[in-house]
Amino acid sequence: MMQPLQMVRAEISQRDFQRWMGMRRLQDPDHGMHCLLTECFGRDLAPRPFRAIFPRGGSRGCLYGYGLAVADELREAAGAYADPLQCRIIPPQSIDSKPMPEQWTAGKRLGFEVRVRPIVRRTDKADTRPGKEWDAFQLEAEQHSKGKMTRSREEVYTDWLRKQLESRGGAALESATLASFQRTRAVRRLRGTYSEGPDALMRGVLEITDGPAFAKLLAGGVGRHRAYGYGMLLLRPASGKPGS
């Protein structure tokens, strides 16, 4: 019988994480956290998707993630693989986990928060670099003359998120808002080149359309760059009435 999906939570020492990144000459914290989790827990046990949250001005943050490993397994792995500095970054005693529901009811509404990188791949012949990642809003804006773009960034990203959920299956988007946005530089491999792109935090309400498919959606995450801190659906009670 398959082990239920676990939600993992752990504390993060921001100061020690920055020190470790400096020693490793890493500049992208998302790439750094990806490397840290892999080295501490191993590729098979490291939670993915995950979300690292660092309060502004604080010295400690929180790591959230989904995976099949329970807290005891992660602590055991950290005891075997992590070095002393890595254990100060994510103290093994701070690791906790809980099983997520094994069954989800179609029609149930859930509130959510998700950090996403709303990008699309442009493949038309006019693009000299087909397959390159493009900001979904930027790409749509380029189809209009200056000042003629009719949709806001929030509307474009909401539509992008709706299509992501439709393509993965399991949930339909009821509503969403753009809580925050910035452009960040990202690297996805050691000594790799940087790329710049959108970094958006979205909140809203979704409706489960298929229970088993929704469980897979939670475990897999939304959009691209899911192994680097994007795409984890953090759930909360839905507010408001359907369609409001």
Protein backbone atom coordinates (compact mmCIF):
# COMPACT_ATOMS: atom_id res chain seq x y z
CA MET A 1 0.00 0.00 0.00
CA MET A 2 1.43 3.38 -1.01
CA GLN A 3 2.56 5.62 1.83
CA PRO A 4 0.36 8.73 2.19
CA LEU A 5 1.67 12.08 1.09
CA GLN A 6 3.35 13.95 3.95
CA MET A 7 3.45 17.67 4.59
CA VAL A 8 6.82 18.57 6.10
CA ARG A 9 7.73 21.62 8.15
CA ALA A 10 11.16 22.60 9.47
CA GLU A 11 12.93 25.68 10.79
CA ILE A 12 15.64 27.42 8.75
CA SER A 13 18.46 29.53 10.12
CA GLN A 14 18.70 32.31 7.55
CA ARG A 15 22.13 33.46 8.76
CA ASP A 16 23.65 29.97 8.55
CA PHE A 17 22.00 29.41 5.16
CA GLN A 18 23.58 32.59 3.80
CA ARG A 19 26.94 31.56 5.27
CA TRP A 20 26.70 28.14 3.63
CA MET A 21 25.75 29.67 0.28
CA GLY A 22 28.74 31.99 0.48
CA MET A 23 31.08 29.10 1.19
CA ARG A 24 29.66 27.26 -1.82
CA ARG A 25 29.69 30.40 -4.00
CA LEU A 26 25.98 30.10 -4.64
CA GLN A 27 24.08 33.27 -5.45
CA ASP A 28 20.52 32.08 -6.10
CA PRO A 29 18.77 31.09 -2.82
CA ASP A 30 16.26 28.89 -4.66
CA HIS A 31 19.08 26.92 -6.27
CA GLY A 32 20.89 26.90 -2.92
CA MET A 33 17.88 25.43 -1.09
CA HIS A 34 17.48 22.81 -3.83
CA CYS A 35 21.12 21.76 -3.35
CA LEU A 36 20.84 21.86 0.45
CA LEU A 37 17.77 19.60 0.59
CA THR A 38 19.31 17.11 -1.82
CA GLU A 39 22.55 16.93 0.16
CA CYS A 40 20.81 16.70 3.55
CA PHE A 41 18.15 14.13 2.71
CA GLY A 42 19.09 12.56 -0.62
CA ARG A 43 17.28 12.98 -3.91
CA ASP A 44 14.64 10.36 -3.09
CA LEU A 45 13.62 11.78 0.31
CA ALA A 46 14.02 15.53 -0.21
CA PRO A 47 10.60 17.23 -0.15
CA ARG A 48 9.48 18.48 -3.58
CA PRO A 49 7.71 20.71 -4.23
CA PHE A 50 8.78 22.91 -1.34
CA ARG A 51 8.46 26.50 -0.17
CA ALA A 52 11.02 28.38 1.92
CA ILE A 53 9.56 31.41 3.70
CA PHE A 54 11.85 34.01 5.25
CA PRO A 55 10.08 36.81 7.20
CA ARG A 56 11.48 40.22 6.35
CA GLY A 57 14.09 41.23 8.89
CA GLY A 58 13.92 37.89 10.70
CA SER A 59 16.77 35.50 11.41
CA ARG A 60 14.74 32.32 11.09
CA GLY A 61 12.46 31.06 8.37
CA CYS A 62 10.28 28.03 7.70
CA LEU A 63 10.52 25.26 5.16
CA TYR A 64 7.35 23.57 3.94
CA GLY A 65 7.23 20.69 1.51
CA TYR A 66 5.39 17.63 0.26
CA GLY A 67 6.93 14.19 0.00
CA LEU A 68 6.56 10.58 1.06
CA ALA A 69 9.17 10.62 3.84
CA VAL A 70 7.97 11.13 7.42
CA ALA A 71 9.86 13.28 9.91
CA ASP A 72 11.75 10.35 11.47
CA GLU A 73 13.07 9.29 8.05
CA LEU A 74 14.22 12.82 7.27
CA ARG A 75 15.95 13.14 10.65
CA GLU A 76 17.70 9.82 10.09
CA ALA A 77 18.84 10.90 6.63
CA ALA A 78 20.12 14.23 7.93
CA GLY A 79 22.03 12.41 10.64
CA ALA A 80 23.78 10.33 7.98
CA TYR A 81 24.32 12.87 5.20
CA ALA A 82 24.24 16.46 6.48
CA ASP A 83 27.38 18.18 7.72
CA PRO A 84 27.35 20.18 11.00
CA LEU A 85 26.67 23.51 9.30
CA GLN A 86 23.80 22.04 7.30
CA CYS A 87 22.33 20.72 10.56
CA ARG A 88 22.42 24.25 11.95
CA ILE A 89 20.62 25.53 8.87
CA ILE A 90 17.84 22.93 9.22
CA PRO A 91 17.99 21.54 12.80
CA PRO A 92 16.90 17.88 12.59
CA GLN A 93 14.91 18.26 15.83
CA SER A 94 12.80 20.99 14.18
CA ILE A 95 11.61 18.69 11.38
CA ASP A 96 7.97 17.71 11.71
CA SER A 97 5.45 16.07 9.39
CA LYS A 98 1.79 15.17 9.08
CA PRO A 99 -0.05 12.92 6.62
CA MET A 100 -2.25 14.68 4.10
CA PRO A 101 -5.76 13.33 3.47
CA GLU A 102 -5.73 10.23 1.29
CA GLN A 103 -9.14 11.03 -0.17
CA TRP A 104 -10.36 14.35 -1.50
CA THR A 105 -14.01 15.04 -2.32
CA ALA A 106 -14.91 16.41 -5.75
CA GLY A 107 -16.76 19.70 -5.41
CA LYS A 108 -14.93 20.76 -2.25
CA ARG A 109 -13.65 24.36 -2.31
CA LEU A 110 -10.24 25.17 -0.87
CA GLY A 111 -8.32 28.37 -0.39
CA PHE A 112 -4.71 28.30 -1.49
CA GLU A 113 -1.46 30.21 -1.69
CA VAL A 114 1.20 29.33 -4.26
CA ARG A 115 4.47 30.84 -5.38
CA VAL A 116 4.80 30.42 -9.14
CA ARG A 117 7.02 31.37 -12.05
CA PRO A 118 4.37 32.22 -14.70
CA ILE A 119 6.36 31.50 -17.82
CA VAL A 120 5.52 30.13 -21.24
CA ARG A 121 7.68 28.73 -23.99
CA ARG A 122 7.57 30.64 -27.25
CA THR A 123 7.91 28.35 -30.24
CA ASP A 124 6.78 30.50 -33.18
CA LYS A 125 9.14 30.92 -36.10
CA ALA A 126 9.45 34.66 -35.52
CA ASP A 127 11.33 33.96 -32.29
CA THR A 128 15.04 33.63 -32.91
CA ARG A 129 15.39 31.59 -29.72
CA PRO A 130 12.51 29.06 -29.81
CA GLY A 131 11.81 27.28 -26.55
CA LYS A 132 13.09 30.16 -24.41
CA GLU A 133 11.11 30.89 -21.26
CA TRP A 134 9.04 34.06 -21.49
CA ASP A 135 7.11 35.97 -18.84
CA ALA A 136 3.47 35.23 -19.73
CA PHE A 137 2.53 38.90 -19.23
CA GLN A 138 5.48 40.20 -21.23
CA LEU A 139 4.74 37.87 -24.13
CA GLU A 140 1.10 38.98 -24.29
CA ALA A 141 2.06 42.66 -23.99
CA GLU A 142 4.37 42.31 -26.99
CA GLN A 143 1.38 41.35 -29.13
CA HIS A 144 -0.06 44.85 -28.61
CA SER A 145 1.17 48.27 -29.63
CA LYS A 146 2.40 50.54 -26.85
CA GLY A 147 -0.40 51.50 -24.45
CA LYS A 148 -2.90 49.07 -26.02
CA MET A 149 -2.47 46.16 -23.61
CA THR A 150 -5.95 45.56 -22.21
CA ARG A 151 -5.27 43.01 -19.46
CA SER A 152 -3.42 43.55 -16.19
CA ARG A 153 -0.55 41.41 -14.96
CA GLU A 154 -2.92 39.88 -12.39
CA GLU A 155 -5.41 38.91 -15.10
CA VAL A 156 -2.74 37.33 -17.29
CA TYR A 157 -1.22 35.38 -14.42
CA THR A 158 -4.66 34.24 -13.22
CA ASP A 159 -5.40 32.93 -16.71
CA TRP A 160 -1.98 31.23 -16.76
CA LEU A 161 -2.71 29.56 -13.40
CA ARG A 162 -6.15 28.44 -14.57
CA LYS A 163 -4.61 26.74 -17.60
CA GLN A 164 -1.95 25.10 -15.43
CA LEU A 165 -4.62 23.54 -13.20
CA GLU A 166 -6.64 22.45 -16.22
CA SER A 167 -3.64 20.77 -17.85
CA ARG A 168 -2.65 18.93 -14.65
CA GLY A 169 -6.23 18.00 -13.76
CA GLY A 170 -7.83 17.60 -10.35
CA ALA A 171 -8.88 21.20 -9.69
CA ALA A 172 -10.52 24.20 -11.33
CA LEU A 173 -9.63 27.76 -10.45
CA GLU A 174 -12.49 29.78 -9.00
CA SER A 175 -10.64 33.02 -8.31
CA ALA A 176 -7.12 34.32 -7.74
CA THR A 177 -5.30 37.52 -6.86
CA LEU A 178 -1.68 38.53 -7.33
CA ALA A 179 -0.43 39.05 -3.76
CA SER A 180 3.11 40.07 -4.71
CA PHE A 181 5.38 40.19 -7.73
CA GLN A 182 9.06 40.69 -8.46
CA ARG A 183 11.52 39.74 -11.14
CA THR A 184 14.32 37.47 -9.99
CA ARG A 185 17.44 35.99 -11.51
CA ALA A 186 17.65 32.21 -11.38
CA VAL A 187 20.28 29.55 -11.98
CA ARG A 188 19.37 25.90 -12.18
CA ARG A 189 22.72 24.12 -12.12
CA LEU A 190 26.18 24.64 -10.69
CA ARG A 191 28.17 27.15 -12.72
CA GLY A 192 25.13 27.63 -14.94
CA THR A 193 24.06 30.85 -16.61
CA TYR A 194 21.45 33.08 -15.03
CA SER A 195 18.01 33.80 -16.44
CA GLU A 196 15.62 36.52 -15.34
CA GLY A 197 11.92 35.89 -14.92
CA PRO A 198 8.69 36.54 -13.01
CA ASP A 199 8.33 35.49 -9.37
CA ALA A 200 4.68 35.73 -8.29
CA LEU A 201 2.78 34.89 -5.13
CA MET A 202 -0.86 34.10 -5.84
CA ARG A 203 -3.77 33.49 -3.49
CA GLY A 204 -7.25 32.34 -4.30
CA VAL A 205 -9.89 29.63 -4.24
CA LEU A 206 -10.04 26.40 -6.22
CA GLU A 207 -12.58 23.60 -6.52
CA ILE A 208 -11.59 19.95 -6.53
CA THR A 209 -12.85 18.27 -9.70
CA ASP A 210 -11.29 14.83 -9.22
CA GLY A 211 -10.08 13.50 -5.86
CA PRO A 212 -7.22 11.18 -6.97
CA ALA A 213 -6.04 13.69 -9.58
CA PHE A 214 -6.00 16.45 -6.95
CA ALA A 215 -3.80 14.30 -4.70
CA LYS A 216 -1.34 13.98 -7.60
CA LEU A 217 -1.53 17.74 -8.18
CA LEU A 218 -0.54 18.40 -4.57
CA ALA A 219 2.34 15.93 -4.75
CA GLY A 220 3.63 17.28 -8.07
CA GLY A 221 3.04 21.01 -7.74
CA VAL A 222 2.04 23.69 -10.25
CA GLY A 223 4.03 25.10 -13.15
CA ARG A 224 7.76 24.88 -13.84
CA HIS A 225 10.76 25.13 -11.48
CA ARG A 226 8.93 22.99 -8.93
CA ALA A 227 12.20 21.56 -7.56
CA TYR A 228 13.40 25.10 -6.78
CA GLY A 229 10.79 26.47 -4.40
CA TYR A 230 7.88 27.08 -6.78
CA GLY A 231 4.53 25.40 -7.27
CA MET A 232 3.70 24.14 -3.76
CA LEU A 233 0.00 24.59 -3.01
CA LEU A 234 -0.43 25.68 0.61
CA LEU A 235 -4.07 25.06 1.50
CA ARG A 236 -6.41 27.05 3.73
CA PRO A 237 -10.18 27.28 4.29
CA ALA A 238 -12.03 28.82 1.37
CA SER A 239 -13.49 32.25 2.05
CA GLY A 240 -16.70 33.56 0.59
CA LYS A 241 -19.44 31.79 -1.31
CA PRO A 242 -18.95 29.98 -4.64
CA GLY A 243 -18.56 32.48 -7.45
CA SER A 244 -18.21 35.46 -5.12
